[in-house]
Amino acid sequence: MVSQPAVDSLPVLVREGIRLREVHQSDAATLTALFQLPEVSKHLDPPPATVADFGAWIELSRSRRAEGRAACYSLITGKNEVSGLFMALRFEDQDRAEIGFAIAPHLWGTGVFKKSIEVYLDFLFNTWGIKMLVGKTHVSNARAMGAMRKVGAKVIEETVRNGQAEYVWTIER
């Protein structure tokens, strides 16, 4: 494995009323509450259960960012509201990364996800040097799959994880 150079911070990504910035410890409480909403959590692997656990996850993601292995962003909307999370974790081969995301339900269907994922994908492919992203989405999450198809994701496999049927998909550029 070729190691990535140390990264002191991630750039802030901005597009038409949304901002993505590196996830901060101060986001832990809001993200814990978001990920515990039934309409969000039913589409995810079990997230960190407490604010302290989410804080530990954030610290881990920031240490992985310093190693060039992770790019974890909080979605900021409105009056500096933390409204979601976008994360990517490089695989060993460095050209590929696993991606995941969640946004607040009140933003579903508003176009915020499309703007956010577009600026995030631009960063991952054009700045971070990724050639392929791999993601997993529950088969029951039709909204997420529709959104992913809009940005060019292709389903490559259907599998079962933690008792849930899911699609494995890729995005390449």
Protein backbone atom coordinates (compact mmCIF):
# COMPACT_ATOMS: atom_id res chain seq x y z
CA MET A 1 0.00 0.00 0.00
CA VAL A 2 1.22 3.48 -0.88
CA SER A 3 0.68 5.81 2.04
CA GLN A 4 -1.06 9.13 1.53
CA PRO A 5 0.63 12.35 2.64
CA ALA A 6 -0.51 13.79 5.97
CA VAL A 7 -3.52 16.09 5.64
CA ASP A 8 -3.94 18.89 8.17
CA SER A 9 -7.56 19.65 7.28
CA LEU A 10 -10.17 19.22 4.58
CA PRO A 11 -11.27 22.13 2.41
CA VAL A 12 -14.73 23.63 2.93
CA LEU A 13 -16.99 22.75 -0.01
CA VAL A 14 -19.72 25.25 -0.97
CA ARG A 15 -22.54 25.19 -3.48
CA GLU A 16 -25.80 27.19 -3.71
CA GLY A 17 -26.92 27.48 -0.10
CA ILE A 18 -25.12 24.44 1.31
CA ARG A 19 -21.72 23.99 2.85
CA LEU A 20 -19.75 20.85 3.64
CA ARG A 21 -17.01 21.17 6.22
CA GLU A 22 -14.94 18.61 8.06
CA VAL A 23 -16.90 16.95 10.84
CA HIS A 24 -16.15 18.53 14.27
CA GLN A 25 -16.51 17.22 17.80
CA SER A 26 -19.19 19.88 18.33
CA ASP A 27 -21.33 18.03 15.74
CA ALA A 28 -21.56 14.84 17.82
CA ALA A 29 -24.81 15.62 19.65
CA THR A 30 -26.67 16.77 16.53
CA LEU A 31 -25.43 13.85 14.45
CA THR A 32 -26.31 11.37 17.21
CA ALA A 33 -29.87 12.75 17.30
CA LEU A 34 -30.11 12.67 13.48
CA PHE A 35 -28.88 9.09 13.23
CA GLN A 36 -31.33 8.00 15.95
CA LEU A 37 -34.38 9.25 14.04
CA PRO A 38 -36.31 6.11 13.02
CA GLU A 39 -36.71 7.29 9.41
CA VAL A 40 -32.92 7.68 9.16
CA SER A 41 -31.67 4.80 11.30
CA LYS A 42 -33.77 2.20 9.49
CA HIS A 43 -31.54 2.72 6.43
CA LEU A 44 -28.17 2.50 8.24
CA ASP A 45 -25.96 0.03 10.01
CA PRO A 46 -26.23 0.73 13.70
CA PRO A 47 -24.59 4.15 14.19
CA PRO A 48 -22.76 5.22 17.35
CA ALA A 49 -25.37 5.02 20.12
CA THR A 50 -24.32 7.93 22.34
CA VAL A 51 -22.84 11.40 21.95
CA ALA A 52 -19.59 10.06 23.48
CA ASP A 53 -19.54 7.17 20.99
CA PHE A 54 -20.17 9.56 18.09
CA GLY A 55 -17.40 11.80 19.42
CA ALA A 56 -15.02 8.83 19.39
CA TRP A 57 -16.09 8.04 15.80
CA ILE A 58 -15.42 11.68 14.82
CA GLU A 59 -11.97 11.52 16.43
CA LEU A 60 -11.22 8.31 14.53
CA SER A 61 -12.35 9.87 11.25
CA ARG A 62 -10.16 12.92 11.87
CA SER A 63 -7.12 10.73 12.62
CA ARG A 64 -7.79 8.79 9.42
CA ARG A 65 -8.07 12.12 7.56
CA ALA A 66 -4.65 13.08 8.89
CA GLU A 67 -3.35 9.85 7.30
CA GLY A 68 -5.10 10.69 3.99
CA ARG A 69 -7.54 7.79 4.46
CA ALA A 70 -10.86 9.50 5.29
CA ALA A 71 -12.87 12.51 4.15
CA CYS A 72 -15.79 12.99 6.56
CA TYR A 73 -17.91 16.10 6.17
CA SER A 74 -20.86 17.62 8.01
CA LEU A 75 -23.57 19.16 5.85
CA ILE A 76 -24.29 22.70 7.02
CA THR A 77 -27.54 24.39 5.99
CA GLY A 78 -29.61 27.38 7.02
CA LYS A 79 -28.24 29.27 9.98
CA ASN A 80 -25.18 27.07 10.50
CA GLU A 81 -27.30 23.95 11.15
CA VAL A 82 -25.60 20.54 11.02
CA SER A 83 -28.03 18.68 8.75
CA GLY A 84 -26.18 15.58 7.58
CA LEU A 85 -22.97 13.63 7.14
CA PHE A 86 -20.98 12.55 4.08
CA MET A 87 -18.07 10.16 4.57
CA ALA A 88 -15.53 8.37 2.40
CA LEU A 89 -12.90 5.90 3.55
CA ARG A 90 -10.11 4.82 1.20
CA PHE A 91 -9.52 1.16 0.51
CA GLU A 92 -5.99 -0.29 0.57
CA ASP A 93 -5.52 0.34 -3.17
CA GLN A 94 -5.98 4.13 -2.68
CA ASP A 95 -7.91 4.67 -5.95
CA ARG A 96 -11.15 3.39 -4.41
CA ALA A 97 -13.14 4.45 -1.38
CA GLU A 98 -16.32 3.42 0.38
CA ILE A 99 -18.87 6.21 0.64
CA GLY A 100 -21.79 6.78 2.99
CA PHE A 101 -24.19 9.59 3.73
CA ALA A 102 -27.27 10.65 5.68
CA ILE A 103 -29.24 13.90 5.70
CA ALA A 104 -32.05 15.23 7.85
CA PRO A 105 -35.50 14.04 6.73
CA HIS A 106 -36.86 17.59 6.43
CA LEU A 107 -34.36 18.07 3.56
CA TRP A 108 -35.42 14.96 1.62
CA GLY A 109 -36.84 15.89 -1.78
CA THR A 110 -35.64 19.51 -1.59
CA GLY A 111 -32.59 19.21 -3.87
CA VAL A 112 -30.14 19.67 -0.98
CA PHE A 113 -28.82 16.11 -1.32
CA LYS A 114 -28.19 16.51 -5.06
CA LYS A 115 -26.23 19.74 -4.55
CA SER A 116 -24.32 18.23 -1.63
CA ILE A 117 -23.40 14.97 -3.33
CA GLU A 118 -22.33 16.76 -6.51
CA VAL A 119 -19.87 19.04 -4.69
CA TYR A 120 -18.68 16.10 -2.56
CA LEU A 121 -18.13 13.85 -5.59
CA ASP A 122 -16.28 16.67 -7.38
CA PHE A 123 -13.93 16.86 -4.38
CA LEU A 124 -13.44 13.09 -4.11
CA PHE A 125 -12.73 12.55 -7.81
CA ASN A 126 -10.93 15.78 -8.72
CA THR A 127 -9.05 16.70 -5.54
CA TRP A 128 -8.80 13.55 -3.43
CA GLY A 129 -7.85 11.42 -6.45
CA ILE A 130 -10.47 8.69 -6.20
CA LYS A 131 -11.33 6.78 -9.38
CA MET A 132 -14.13 4.57 -8.00
CA LEU A 133 -16.54 4.87 -5.09
CA VAL A 134 -18.33 1.89 -3.60
CA GLY A 135 -21.45 2.21 -1.50
CA LYS A 136 -24.15 0.07 0.04
CA THR A 137 -27.80 0.98 0.29
CA HIS A 138 -30.69 -1.00 1.75
CA VAL A 139 -32.96 -2.32 -1.00
CA SER A 140 -35.90 -0.79 0.90
CA ASN A 141 -34.39 2.72 0.58
CA ALA A 142 -35.88 3.62 -2.80
CA ARG A 143 -35.27 7.35 -2.27
CA ALA A 144 -31.51 6.87 -1.78
CA MET A 145 -31.22 4.56 -4.78
CA GLY A 146 -33.08 7.06 -6.96
CA ALA A 147 -30.74 9.81 -5.83
CA MET A 148 -27.68 7.66 -6.48
CA ARG A 149 -28.83 6.77 -9.99
CA LYS A 150 -29.13 10.51 -10.70
CA VAL A 151 -25.40 10.91 -9.98
CA GLY A 152 -24.38 7.93 -12.11
CA ALA A 153 -24.25 5.11 -9.56
CA LYS A 154 -24.59 1.60 -10.95
CA VAL A 155 -25.76 -1.38 -8.92
CA ILE A 156 -23.19 -4.19 -9.21
CA GLU A 157 -24.52 -6.66 -6.65
CA GLU A 158 -27.41 -7.46 -4.32
CA THR A 159 -26.41 -8.98 -0.99
CA VAL A 160 -27.57 -9.35 2.61
CA ARG A 161 -25.81 -7.67 5.55
CA ASN A 162 -27.03 -7.70 9.15
CA GLY A 163 -30.20 -9.42 7.94
CA GLN A 164 -31.02 -6.60 5.48
CA ALA A 165 -31.07 -6.93 1.70
CA GLU A 166 -28.86 -4.26 0.18
CA TYR A 167 -27.45 -3.10 -3.10
CA VAL A 168 -23.74 -2.61 -3.64
CA TRP A 169 -23.14 0.14 -6.16
CA THR A 170 -20.26 2.03 -7.72
CA ILE A 171 -19.63 5.48 -9.12
CA GLU A 172 -16.71 5.90 -11.50
CA ARG A 173 -15.28 8.92 -13.27
